Protein backbone atom coordinates (compact mmCIF):
# COMPACT_ATOMS: atom_id res chain seq x y z
CA MET A 1 -7.29 1.31 -15.12
CA ASP A 2 -8.91 -2.07 -14.53
CA LEU A 3 -12.36 -1.26 -13.15
CA ASN A 4 -12.80 -4.89 -12.13
CA SER A 5 -9.78 -4.81 -9.82
CA ARG A 6 -11.35 -3.73 -6.57
CA ILE A 7 -10.91 -4.80 -3.02
CA LEU A 8 -14.02 -5.34 -0.95
CA VAL A 9 -13.51 -4.26 2.65
CA ARG A 10 -16.34 -5.03 5.03
CA THR A 11 -16.84 -4.82 8.72
CA SER A 12 -19.97 -5.40 10.79
CA VAL A 13 -21.27 -1.93 9.92
CA GLU A 14 -19.46 -0.87 6.73
CA LEU A 15 -18.74 -1.99 3.21
CA SER A 16 -16.29 -0.30 0.84
CA ARG A 17 -15.27 -1.28 -2.71
CA ILE A 18 -11.97 0.38 -3.49
CA LEU A 19 -10.20 0.42 -6.85
CA THR A 20 -6.85 -1.22 -6.21
CA ASP A 21 -5.08 0.92 -8.82
CA ARG A 22 -5.93 4.02 -6.80
CA ILE A 23 -4.79 2.77 -3.37
CA VAL A 24 -1.47 4.49 -2.64
CA TYR A 25 -0.88 2.96 0.78
CA VAL A 26 -2.55 1.58 3.87
CA HIS A 27 -1.33 2.42 7.37
CA SER A 28 -2.51 1.11 10.68
CA ASP A 29 -2.85 2.26 14.22
CA GLY A 30 -3.81 -0.66 16.42
CA ASN A 31 -7.19 -2.04 15.38
CA TYR A 32 -7.74 0.64 12.73
CA SER A 33 -6.36 0.77 9.20
CA THR A 34 -6.59 3.71 6.85
CA PHE A 35 -6.58 3.42 3.06
CA VAL A 36 -5.00 6.48 1.41
CA ILE A 37 -6.37 6.91 -2.10
CA ALA A 38 -4.66 8.74 -4.98
CA ASN A 39 -7.28 11.53 -4.95
CA GLY A 40 -6.40 12.33 -1.32
CA GLU A 41 -9.40 10.56 0.18
CA GLU A 42 -8.82 8.45 3.26
CA ARG A 43 -11.01 5.54 4.35
CA THR A 44 -10.53 4.23 7.88
CA VAL A 45 -11.84 0.77 8.75
CA THR A 46 -11.84 -1.24 11.94
CA LEU A 47 -9.49 -3.95 10.73
CA GLN A 48 -5.89 -4.62 11.71
CA LEU A 49 -3.23 -4.39 9.00
CA GLY A 50 -2.74 -8.16 9.02
CA GLU A 51 -6.43 -8.57 8.18
CA ILE A 52 -6.10 -6.08 5.32
CA GLU A 53 -3.05 -7.98 4.05
CA GLU A 54 -5.07 -11.24 4.11
CA LEU A 55 -7.95 -9.60 2.22
CA MET A 56 -5.58 -8.35 -0.46
CA THR A 57 -3.92 -11.75 -0.82
CA GLU A 58 -7.27 -13.55 -1.10
CA GLN A 59 -9.05 -11.05 -3.34
CA LEU A 60 -6.19 -10.03 -5.61
CA GLU A 61 -4.59 -13.41 -6.23
CA GLY A 62 -3.94 -13.72 -9.97
CA LYS A 63 -4.79 -10.05 -10.55
CA GLY A 64 -1.29 -8.67 -10.06
CA ASN A 65 -1.16 -7.98 -6.36
CA ASN A 66 1.16 -4.95 -6.25
CA PHE A 67 0.96 -4.40 -2.50
CA ILE A 68 4.00 -4.80 -0.26
CA ARG A 69 3.96 -4.92 3.51
CA ILE A 70 6.64 -2.72 5.07
CA GLY A 71 7.14 -3.20 8.76
CA ARG A 72 4.33 -3.47 11.27
CA CYS A 73 2.05 -0.67 10.15
CA LEU A 74 2.38 -0.02 6.43
CA ILE A 75 1.36 -1.58 3.11
CA VAL A 76 2.35 0.31 -0.05
CA ASN A 77 1.35 0.04 -3.68
CA TYR A 78 4.48 -0.93 -5.62
CA ASN A 79 3.35 1.16 -8.62
CA TYR A 80 3.61 4.40 -6.61
CA ILE A 81 7.11 3.88 -5.17
CA TYR A 82 9.00 6.95 -6.34
CA HIS A 83 11.96 7.41 -4.00
CA ILE A 84 13.58 5.41 -1.20
CA ASN A 85 16.13 7.00 1.12
CA VAL A 86 17.36 4.37 3.55
CA SER A 87 19.64 6.64 5.57
CA ARG A 88 16.89 9.22 6.16
CA GLN A 89 14.31 6.48 6.70
CA GLN A 90 12.03 8.01 4.09
CA LEU A 91 9.82 6.53 1.40
CA MET A 92 8.15 8.76 -1.15
CA LEU A 93 5.08 7.54 -3.00
CA SER A 94 3.95 9.55 -6.01
CA ASP A 95 2.20 9.37 -9.36
CA ASN A 96 4.75 11.92 -10.67
CA ALA A 97 1.96 14.37 -11.48
CA THR A 98 -0.72 15.10 -8.90
CA PHE A 99 0.35 13.82 -5.48
CA SER A 100 3.31 12.90 -3.33
CA TYR A 101 3.39 11.29 0.12
CA THR A 102 6.52 11.00 2.23
CA LEU A 103 6.42 8.24 4.83
CA SER A 104 8.79 7.07 7.53
CA ALA A 105 9.91 3.47 7.91
CA SER A 106 12.76 1.64 9.56
CA LYS A 107 16.13 1.46 7.84
CA GLU A 108 15.93 -2.32 7.71
CA ALA A 109 12.46 -2.29 6.10
CA LEU A 110 13.52 0.31 3.54
CA LYS A 111 16.72 -1.56 2.76
CA LYS A 112 14.71 -4.71 2.04
CA LEU A 113 12.23 -2.72 -0.06
CA LYS A 114 15.04 -1.11 -2.04
CA GLU A 115 16.58 -4.52 -2.75
CA TYR A 116 13.18 -5.91 -3.77
CA VAL A 117 12.56 -3.01 -6.19
CA GLU A 118 16.04 -3.36 -7.68
CA GLU A 119 15.58 -7.11 -8.18
CA LYS A 120 12.09 -6.76 -9.64
CA HIS A 121 13.31 -4.06 -12.02
CA LYS A 122 16.06 -6.37 -13.32
CA ILE A 123 13.52 -9.06 -14.17
CA ASN A 124 11.24 -6.70 -16.06
């Protein structure tokens, strides 16, 4: 784990430094976004998902940004993608040991994600 790879999330009243390796996904609901951490902790901030995406791009450039935006309300950590079922519109994120999250997404978004994972896997 790279202890230097953190994202700094600040609002007018809060500041959080979150280890990027431990962020499983971020989901939004309007003006609020919630970071879901591998230990089960959740951190909700008053930022829209687009703002979170911008923060990640700015702060993680050159540090292996493994975060992928899926649809309008979800950013996932590529390293935790475990299972994609396009027809059931399900995405499972897991560390294969201690946690598993099953999320819903559109068929089109999951199809694109599946193709991206397949292509990235070929390169590596």
